[in-house]
N, C-alpha and C. Protein backbone atom coordinates (compact mmCIF):
# COMPACT_ATOMS: atom_id res chain seq x y z
N MET A 1 93.62 61.79 116.60
CA MET A 1 94.74 61.76 115.69
C MET A 1 96.06 62.00 116.47
N ALA A 2 96.99 61.18 116.13
CA ALA A 2 98.43 61.27 116.86
C ALA A 2 99.07 62.55 116.20
N ARG A 3 99.79 63.34 117.12
CA ARG A 3 100.49 64.36 116.79
C ARG A 3 101.96 64.04 116.55
N GLN A 4 102.64 64.62 115.48
CA GLN A 4 103.99 64.43 115.26
C GLN A 4 104.87 65.49 115.95
N PHE A 5 105.85 65.02 116.65
CA PHE A 5 106.84 65.90 117.31
C PHE A 5 108.17 65.85 116.70
N SER A 6 108.97 66.94 116.67
CA SER A 6 110.25 66.89 116.08
C SER A 6 111.26 67.44 117.01
N ILE A 7 112.44 67.07 117.11
CA ILE A 7 113.52 67.57 118.01
C ILE A 7 114.80 67.77 117.09
N SER A 8 115.48 68.86 117.32
CA SER A 8 116.60 69.12 116.48
C SER A 8 117.60 69.83 117.29
N VAL A 9 118.85 69.19 117.38
CA VAL A 9 119.97 69.78 118.20
C VAL A 9 121.11 69.71 117.25
N LYS A 10 122.18 70.61 117.55
CA LYS A 10 123.41 70.78 116.69
C LYS A 10 124.62 70.95 117.61
N ALA A 11 125.66 70.48 117.04
CA ALA A 11 126.95 70.65 117.83
C ALA A 11 128.09 70.81 116.66
N HIS A 12 129.22 71.11 117.13
CA HIS A 12 130.32 71.45 116.29
C HIS A 12 131.63 70.68 116.76
N SER A 13 132.23 69.95 115.95
CA SER A 13 133.44 69.19 116.25
C SER A 13 134.63 69.80 115.48
N THR A 14 135.69 69.86 116.09
CA THR A 14 136.90 70.12 115.29
C THR A 14 137.58 68.98 114.61
N GLY A 15 137.03 67.87 114.94
CA GLY A 15 137.51 66.66 114.31
C GLY A 15 136.90 66.49 112.86
N SER A 16 137.53 65.54 112.15
CA SER A 16 137.10 65.24 110.69
C SER A 16 135.71 64.43 110.93
N ARG A 17 135.04 64.56 109.66
CA ARG A 17 133.78 63.72 109.58
C ARG A 17 134.13 62.27 109.83
N SER A 18 135.20 61.64 109.36
CA SER A 18 135.50 60.27 109.65
C SER A 18 135.76 60.08 111.09
N ALA A 19 136.36 60.99 111.72
CA ALA A 19 136.62 60.77 113.20
C ALA A 19 135.34 60.79 113.97
N VAL A 20 134.44 61.71 113.58
CA VAL A 20 133.12 61.75 114.32
C VAL A 20 132.39 60.41 113.97
N TYR A 21 132.29 60.19 112.82
CA TYR A 21 131.50 58.84 112.43
C TYR A 21 132.06 57.62 113.14
N ARG A 22 133.39 57.54 113.15
CA ARG A 22 134.00 56.41 113.82
C ARG A 22 133.39 56.13 115.27
N LEU A 23 133.25 57.44 115.88
CA LEU A 23 132.77 57.15 117.33
C LEU A 23 131.30 56.93 117.35
N LEU A 24 130.52 57.64 116.39
CA LEU A 24 129.13 57.58 116.35
C LEU A 24 128.73 56.05 115.97
N ALA A 25 129.41 55.44 115.06
CA ALA A 25 129.06 54.10 114.56
C ALA A 25 129.42 52.97 115.54
N ASP A 26 130.25 53.29 116.51
CA ASP A 26 130.76 52.15 117.37
C ASP A 26 130.17 52.34 118.78
N SER A 27 129.10 51.62 118.98
CA SER A 27 128.36 51.72 120.23
C SER A 27 129.13 51.47 121.41
N SER A 28 130.21 50.75 121.38
CA SER A 28 131.05 50.54 122.48
C SER A 28 131.69 51.77 123.08
N THR A 29 131.66 52.88 122.33
CA THR A 29 132.25 54.14 122.81
C THR A 29 131.13 55.11 123.40
N TRP A 30 129.87 54.80 123.14
CA TRP A 30 128.86 55.67 123.54
C TRP A 30 128.83 56.02 125.03
N SER A 31 129.09 55.03 125.86
CA SER A 31 129.06 55.33 127.30
C SER A 31 130.24 56.31 127.74
N THR A 32 131.12 56.56 126.90
CA THR A 32 132.20 57.58 127.16
C THR A 32 131.85 59.11 126.79
N TRP A 33 130.92 59.16 125.95
CA TRP A 33 130.63 60.60 125.41
C TRP A 33 129.07 60.92 125.51
N THR A 34 128.23 59.98 125.84
CA THR A 34 126.77 60.21 125.96
C THR A 34 126.53 60.09 127.57
N PRO A 35 125.17 60.46 127.93
CA PRO A 35 124.96 60.25 129.31
C PRO A 35 124.55 58.76 129.65
N PHE A 36 124.51 57.93 128.63
CA PHE A 36 124.35 56.51 128.94
C PHE A 36 125.38 55.93 129.72
N SER A 37 125.09 55.16 130.86
CA SER A 37 126.08 54.45 131.65
C SER A 37 126.58 53.11 130.88
N ASP A 38 125.67 52.62 130.00
CA ASP A 38 126.03 51.33 129.43
C ASP A 38 125.26 51.24 128.05
N VAL A 39 126.05 50.75 127.12
CA VAL A 39 125.38 50.52 125.85
C VAL A 39 125.94 49.11 125.36
N THR A 40 124.97 48.21 125.04
CA THR A 40 125.41 46.89 124.68
C THR A 40 124.85 46.47 123.35
N LEU A 41 125.55 45.93 122.56
CA LEU A 41 125.00 45.38 121.27
C LEU A 41 124.39 44.10 121.68
N ILE A 42 123.07 43.96 121.39
CA ILE A 42 122.29 42.76 121.79
C ILE A 42 121.79 41.91 120.62
N GLU A 43 121.90 42.47 119.42
CA GLU A 43 121.59 41.69 118.19
C GLU A 43 122.29 42.32 117.06
N GLN A 44 123.14 41.46 116.41
CA GLN A 44 123.99 41.94 115.36
C GLN A 44 123.12 42.16 114.15
N SER A 45 123.60 42.87 113.20
CA SER A 45 122.95 43.12 111.96
C SER A 45 122.96 41.77 111.14
N PRO A 46 122.17 41.54 110.19
CA PRO A 46 122.11 40.40 109.39
C PRO A 46 123.54 40.00 108.80
N GLY A 47 124.27 41.12 108.42
CA GLY A 47 125.64 40.89 107.94
C GLY A 47 126.73 40.85 108.96
N GLY A 48 126.40 40.83 110.25
CA GLY A 48 127.22 40.82 111.45
C GLY A 48 127.58 42.15 111.89
N GLY A 49 127.88 42.42 113.09
CA GLY A 49 128.32 43.64 113.75
C GLY A 49 127.13 44.63 113.91
N GLU A 50 127.53 45.96 113.76
CA GLU A 50 126.71 47.07 114.08
C GLU A 50 126.15 47.70 112.71
N GLY A 51 125.87 46.93 111.87
CA GLY A 51 125.35 47.51 110.64
C GLY A 51 123.80 47.62 110.68
N VAL A 52 123.17 47.91 109.50
CA VAL A 52 121.72 48.05 109.48
C VAL A 52 121.05 46.74 110.09
N GLY A 53 120.12 47.01 111.01
CA GLY A 53 119.39 45.97 111.58
C GLY A 53 119.87 45.63 112.97
N ALA A 54 121.07 45.96 113.40
CA ALA A 54 121.57 45.73 114.68
C ALA A 54 120.77 46.48 115.75
N VAL A 55 120.76 45.81 116.96
CA VAL A 55 119.83 46.42 118.12
C VAL A 55 120.90 46.60 119.16
N LYS A 56 120.79 47.79 119.79
CA LYS A 56 121.73 47.95 121.02
C LYS A 56 120.66 48.34 122.18
N GLN A 57 121.18 47.91 123.42
CA GLN A 57 120.40 48.26 124.55
C GLN A 57 121.11 49.26 125.19
N THR A 58 120.47 50.37 125.69
CA THR A 58 121.14 51.52 126.31
C THR A 58 120.53 51.58 127.81
N ARG A 59 121.42 52.06 128.65
CA ARG A 59 121.08 52.24 130.08
C ARG A 59 121.39 53.81 130.49
N PHE A 60 120.36 54.27 131.13
CA PHE A 60 120.60 55.66 131.57
C PHE A 60 119.89 55.62 133.03
N ARG A 61 120.78 55.86 134.11
CA ARG A 61 120.20 55.58 135.42
C ARG A 61 119.55 54.21 135.57
N ALA A 62 118.30 54.15 135.99
CA ALA A 62 117.82 52.76 136.10
C ALA A 62 116.86 52.45 134.91
N MET A 63 116.89 53.36 133.92
CA MET A 63 116.08 53.09 132.67
C MET A 63 116.81 52.41 131.50
N THR A 64 116.24 51.61 130.79
CA THR A 64 116.84 50.98 129.68
C THR A 64 115.95 51.15 128.39
N GLY A 65 116.64 51.18 127.32
CA GLY A 65 115.88 51.41 126.03
C GLY A 65 116.57 50.46 124.94
N ARG A 66 115.91 50.37 123.88
CA ARG A 66 116.42 49.55 122.68
C ARG A 66 116.47 50.35 121.46
N GLU A 67 117.48 50.38 120.66
CA GLU A 67 117.52 51.09 119.36
C GLU A 67 117.98 50.16 118.31
N ARG A 68 117.40 50.17 117.25
CA ARG A 68 117.70 49.50 116.00
C ARG A 68 118.24 50.40 114.99
N ILE A 69 119.47 50.07 114.35
CA ILE A 69 120.02 50.82 113.28
C ILE A 69 119.16 50.76 112.12
N VAL A 70 118.69 51.76 111.51
CA VAL A 70 117.93 51.63 110.29
C VAL A 70 118.59 52.09 109.03
N ALA A 71 119.65 52.90 109.19
CA ALA A 71 120.34 53.38 107.93
C ALA A 71 121.78 53.86 108.45
N LEU A 72 122.71 53.55 107.55
CA LEU A 72 124.11 53.93 107.80
C LEU A 72 124.62 54.44 106.38
N THR A 73 125.27 55.58 106.36
CA THR A 73 125.94 56.08 105.19
C THR A 73 127.25 56.49 105.81
N PRO A 74 128.40 55.69 105.57
CA PRO A 74 129.80 55.98 106.12
C PRO A 74 130.16 57.43 106.03
N ASP A 75 130.71 57.79 107.17
CA ASP A 75 131.15 59.28 107.34
C ASP A 75 130.13 60.33 107.04
N ARG A 76 128.84 59.99 106.97
CA ARG A 76 127.88 61.04 106.71
C ARG A 76 126.69 60.89 107.54
N GLN A 77 126.21 59.74 107.85
CA GLN A 77 124.77 59.60 108.52
C GLN A 77 124.64 58.35 109.32
N LEU A 78 124.02 58.32 110.40
CA LEU A 78 123.48 57.13 111.11
C LEU A 78 122.14 57.46 111.47
N SER A 79 121.23 56.47 111.35
CA SER A 79 119.77 56.53 111.75
C SER A 79 119.30 55.40 112.56
N TYR A 80 118.53 55.56 113.58
CA TYR A 80 118.10 54.49 114.43
C TYR A 80 116.70 54.66 114.83
N ALA A 81 115.98 53.64 115.16
CA ALA A 81 114.62 53.73 115.71
C ALA A 81 114.59 53.25 117.08
N TYR A 82 113.84 53.87 117.90
CA TYR A 82 113.61 53.50 119.26
C TYR A 82 112.54 52.45 119.29
N VAL A 83 112.90 51.28 119.68
CA VAL A 83 112.03 50.05 119.65
C VAL A 83 111.58 49.57 120.99
N GLY A 84 112.07 50.15 122.02
CA GLY A 84 111.50 49.80 123.38
C GLY A 84 112.19 50.51 124.44
N GLY A 85 111.47 50.61 125.61
CA GLY A 85 112.06 51.37 126.65
C GLY A 85 111.07 52.25 127.47
N VAL A 86 111.42 53.09 128.33
CA VAL A 86 110.70 53.86 129.24
C VAL A 86 109.78 54.79 128.49
N PHE A 87 110.16 55.43 127.35
CA PHE A 87 109.31 56.19 126.58
C PHE A 87 108.30 55.53 125.64
N ARG A 88 108.33 54.35 125.48
CA ARG A 88 107.46 53.67 124.52
C ARG A 88 105.97 53.76 124.88
N PRO A 89 105.61 53.86 126.12
CA PRO A 89 104.09 54.08 126.40
C PRO A 89 103.60 55.46 125.96
N TYR A 90 104.52 56.40 125.68
CA TYR A 90 104.07 57.77 125.40
C TYR A 90 104.28 58.09 123.90
N MET A 91 105.07 57.32 123.18
CA MET A 91 105.34 57.63 121.76
C MET A 91 105.44 56.39 120.82
N ARG A 92 105.37 56.68 119.61
CA ARG A 92 105.52 55.56 118.64
C ARG A 92 106.25 56.10 117.42
N ASP A 93 106.91 55.21 116.70
CA ASP A 93 107.53 55.62 115.43
C ASP A 93 108.64 56.52 115.51
N TYR A 94 109.50 56.39 116.73
CA TYR A 94 110.57 57.43 116.97
C TYR A 94 111.71 56.96 116.02
N VAL A 95 112.19 57.87 115.22
CA VAL A 95 113.34 57.78 114.38
C VAL A 95 114.29 58.90 114.61
N ALA A 96 115.49 58.63 114.82
CA ALA A 96 116.52 59.71 114.93
C ALA A 96 117.53 59.62 113.68
N VAL A 97 117.98 60.70 113.39
CA VAL A 97 119.01 60.76 112.24
C VAL A 97 120.14 61.65 112.77
N VAL A 98 121.46 61.17 112.66
CA VAL A 98 122.59 62.05 112.93
C VAL A 98 123.27 62.21 111.65
N ASP A 99 123.17 63.57 111.24
CA ASP A 99 123.88 63.99 110.02
C ASP A 99 125.13 64.61 110.31
N LEU A 100 126.31 64.28 109.62
CA LEU A 100 127.51 64.86 109.68
C LEU A 100 127.95 65.59 108.40
N GLU A 101 128.23 66.92 108.54
CA GLU A 101 128.64 67.70 107.39
C GLU A 101 129.95 68.36 107.51
N ASP A 102 130.71 68.53 106.45
CA ASP A 102 131.96 69.28 106.52
C ASP A 102 131.61 70.79 106.89
N ASP A 103 132.52 71.29 107.71
CA ASP A 103 132.40 72.65 108.12
C ASP A 103 133.87 73.15 108.10
N GLY A 104 134.37 73.49 106.73
CA GLY A 104 135.80 73.72 106.64
C GLY A 104 136.55 72.45 106.90
N ASP A 105 137.49 72.53 107.82
CA ASP A 105 138.23 71.39 108.28
C ASP A 105 137.42 70.62 109.42
N ASP A 106 136.34 71.18 109.82
CA ASP A 106 135.71 70.67 111.09
C ASP A 106 134.46 69.98 110.64
N THR A 107 133.68 69.63 111.59
CA THR A 107 132.38 68.80 111.37
C THR A 107 131.22 69.41 112.02
N SER A 108 130.08 69.62 111.35
CA SER A 108 128.84 69.92 111.89
C SER A 108 127.92 68.75 112.23
N ILE A 109 127.42 68.56 113.39
CA ILE A 109 126.69 67.55 113.78
C ILE A 109 125.24 67.99 113.97
N HIS A 110 124.30 67.41 113.29
CA HIS A 110 122.96 67.67 113.48
C HIS A 110 122.22 66.35 113.85
N TRP A 111 121.76 66.43 115.03
CA TRP A 111 120.99 65.16 115.59
C TRP A 111 119.50 65.54 115.69
N HIS A 112 118.69 64.94 114.79
CA HIS A 112 117.31 65.26 114.86
C HIS A 112 116.42 63.95 114.87
N SER A 113 115.25 64.16 115.36
CA SER A 113 114.33 63.00 115.47
C SER A 113 112.94 63.44 115.38
N THR A 114 112.08 62.47 115.03
CA THR A 114 110.62 62.62 114.93
C THR A 114 109.86 61.53 115.68
N TYR A 115 108.78 61.69 116.21
CA TYR A 115 107.92 60.61 116.71
C TYR A 115 106.45 61.07 116.83
N TYR A 116 105.59 60.19 117.07
CA TYR A 116 104.23 60.42 117.14
C TYR A 116 103.73 60.25 118.58
N SER A 117 102.79 60.93 119.08
CA SER A 117 102.17 60.65 120.44
C SER A 117 101.37 59.39 120.31
N ARG A 118 101.23 58.62 121.43
CA ARG A 118 100.44 57.49 121.41
C ARG A 118 98.91 57.79 121.74
N PHE A 119 98.76 58.86 122.54
CA PHE A 119 97.50 59.30 122.93
C PHE A 119 97.54 60.89 123.01
N PRO A 120 96.44 61.56 123.01
CA PRO A 120 96.54 63.03 123.09
C PRO A 120 97.27 63.56 124.39
N GLY A 121 98.24 64.38 124.03
CA GLY A 121 99.00 65.00 125.22
C GLY A 121 100.24 64.20 125.50
N SER A 122 100.32 62.94 125.09
CA SER A 122 101.46 62.04 125.60
C SER A 122 102.77 62.49 124.92
N GLY A 123 102.79 63.03 123.80
CA GLY A 123 104.09 63.52 123.19
C GLY A 123 104.82 64.47 123.87
N PHE A 124 104.12 65.36 124.75
CA PHE A 124 104.69 66.42 125.34
C PHE A 124 105.65 65.86 126.54
N LEU A 125 105.25 64.73 127.04
CA LEU A 125 105.97 64.28 128.30
C LEU A 125 107.36 63.92 127.90
N PRO A 126 107.82 63.31 126.88
CA PRO A 126 109.20 63.00 126.60
C PRO A 126 109.92 64.09 125.86
N ARG A 127 109.27 65.02 125.28
CA ARG A 127 109.93 65.95 124.30
C ARG A 127 111.09 66.79 125.01
N ARG A 128 110.83 67.41 126.05
CA ARG A 128 111.89 68.26 126.61
C ARG A 128 113.06 67.51 127.13
N SER A 129 112.73 66.32 127.89
CA SER A 129 113.85 65.50 128.29
C SER A 129 114.63 64.93 127.19
N LEU A 130 113.99 64.56 126.11
CA LEU A 130 114.67 64.01 124.96
C LEU A 130 115.55 65.17 124.31
N GLU A 131 115.00 66.41 124.22
CA GLU A 131 115.79 67.39 123.65
C GLU A 131 117.02 67.67 124.39
N VAL A 132 116.98 67.75 125.69
CA VAL A 132 118.13 68.02 126.46
C VAL A 132 119.16 66.78 126.43
N PHE A 133 118.60 65.60 126.48
CA PHE A 133 119.41 64.40 126.31
C PHE A 133 120.14 64.35 125.02
N LEU A 134 119.46 64.52 123.93
CA LEU A 134 120.13 64.56 122.51
C LEU A 134 121.12 65.67 122.46
N GLN A 135 120.92 66.80 123.05
CA GLN A 135 121.96 67.85 122.97
C GLN A 135 123.12 67.43 123.73
N LYS A 136 122.92 66.80 124.88
CA LYS A 136 124.23 66.17 125.56
C LYS A 136 124.86 65.15 124.75
N CYS A 137 124.10 64.39 124.04
CA CYS A 137 124.80 63.43 123.21
C CYS A 137 125.64 64.09 122.04
N ALA A 138 124.97 65.09 121.46
CA ALA A 138 125.66 65.75 120.27
C ALA A 138 126.89 66.49 120.74
N ASP A 139 126.80 67.13 122.00
CA ASP A 139 127.87 67.97 122.46
C ASP A 139 129.00 66.84 122.97
N GLY A 140 128.64 65.79 123.52
CA GLY A 140 129.68 64.79 123.94
C GLY A 140 130.31 64.20 122.73
N LEU A 141 129.67 63.93 121.68
CA LEU A 141 130.25 63.34 120.39
C LEU A 141 131.15 64.43 119.86
N ALA A 142 130.81 65.74 119.85
CA ALA A 142 131.68 66.78 119.38
C ALA A 142 132.89 66.81 120.16
N ALA A 143 132.79 66.90 121.42
CA ALA A 143 133.97 67.01 122.31
C ALA A 143 134.84 65.76 122.18
N ALA A 144 134.29 64.60 122.17
CA ALA A 144 135.15 63.34 122.07
C ALA A 144 135.83 63.19 120.77
N SER A 145 135.35 63.77 119.74
CA SER A 145 135.90 63.69 118.37
C SER A 145 136.81 64.88 117.91
N SER A 146 136.78 65.88 118.91
CA SER A 146 137.57 67.11 118.49
C SER A 146 139.07 66.98 118.68
N HIS A 147 139.78 67.70 117.94
CA HIS A 147 141.16 67.71 118.10
C HIS A 147 141.58 68.59 119.34
N PRO A 148 142.54 68.10 120.07
CA PRO A 148 143.05 68.86 121.35
C PRO A 148 143.33 70.26 120.83
N GLY A 149 143.04 71.24 121.75
CA GLY A 149 143.36 72.52 121.43
C GLY A 149 144.89 72.88 121.59
N PRO A 150 145.26 74.05 121.13
CA PRO A 150 146.79 74.36 121.20
C PRO A 150 147.35 74.46 122.57
């Protein structure tokens, strides 16, 4: 039986929820605030652009991956599924959700994901590296969307 794994990371932005979401929903900005060196929209959503159903290709070092947007709630949430890449042999049904919540005038970022192992023991291989990677993504999003200090 496949085991389910969960990852949860958090970050804090001094920017507004709409400022954070604007960066999160625009994949052309991802290479500036995530560890990805390149993010390319390879398939538009049925309605055009980066809506639900759109697929982006990501590059980190020599590794590529593909993510499909599965849900969007403007200024609140983005959810995507990992549909191909280096971790595919080890896991299945990977879905990540990025929740944005007001924290006074600031924004709380909660980036969390779940997936199942493909075979016994395989889910442990990507878990730690994904947790570190997602924390860097959340921290980068927070920094990029924060107001400059005094």
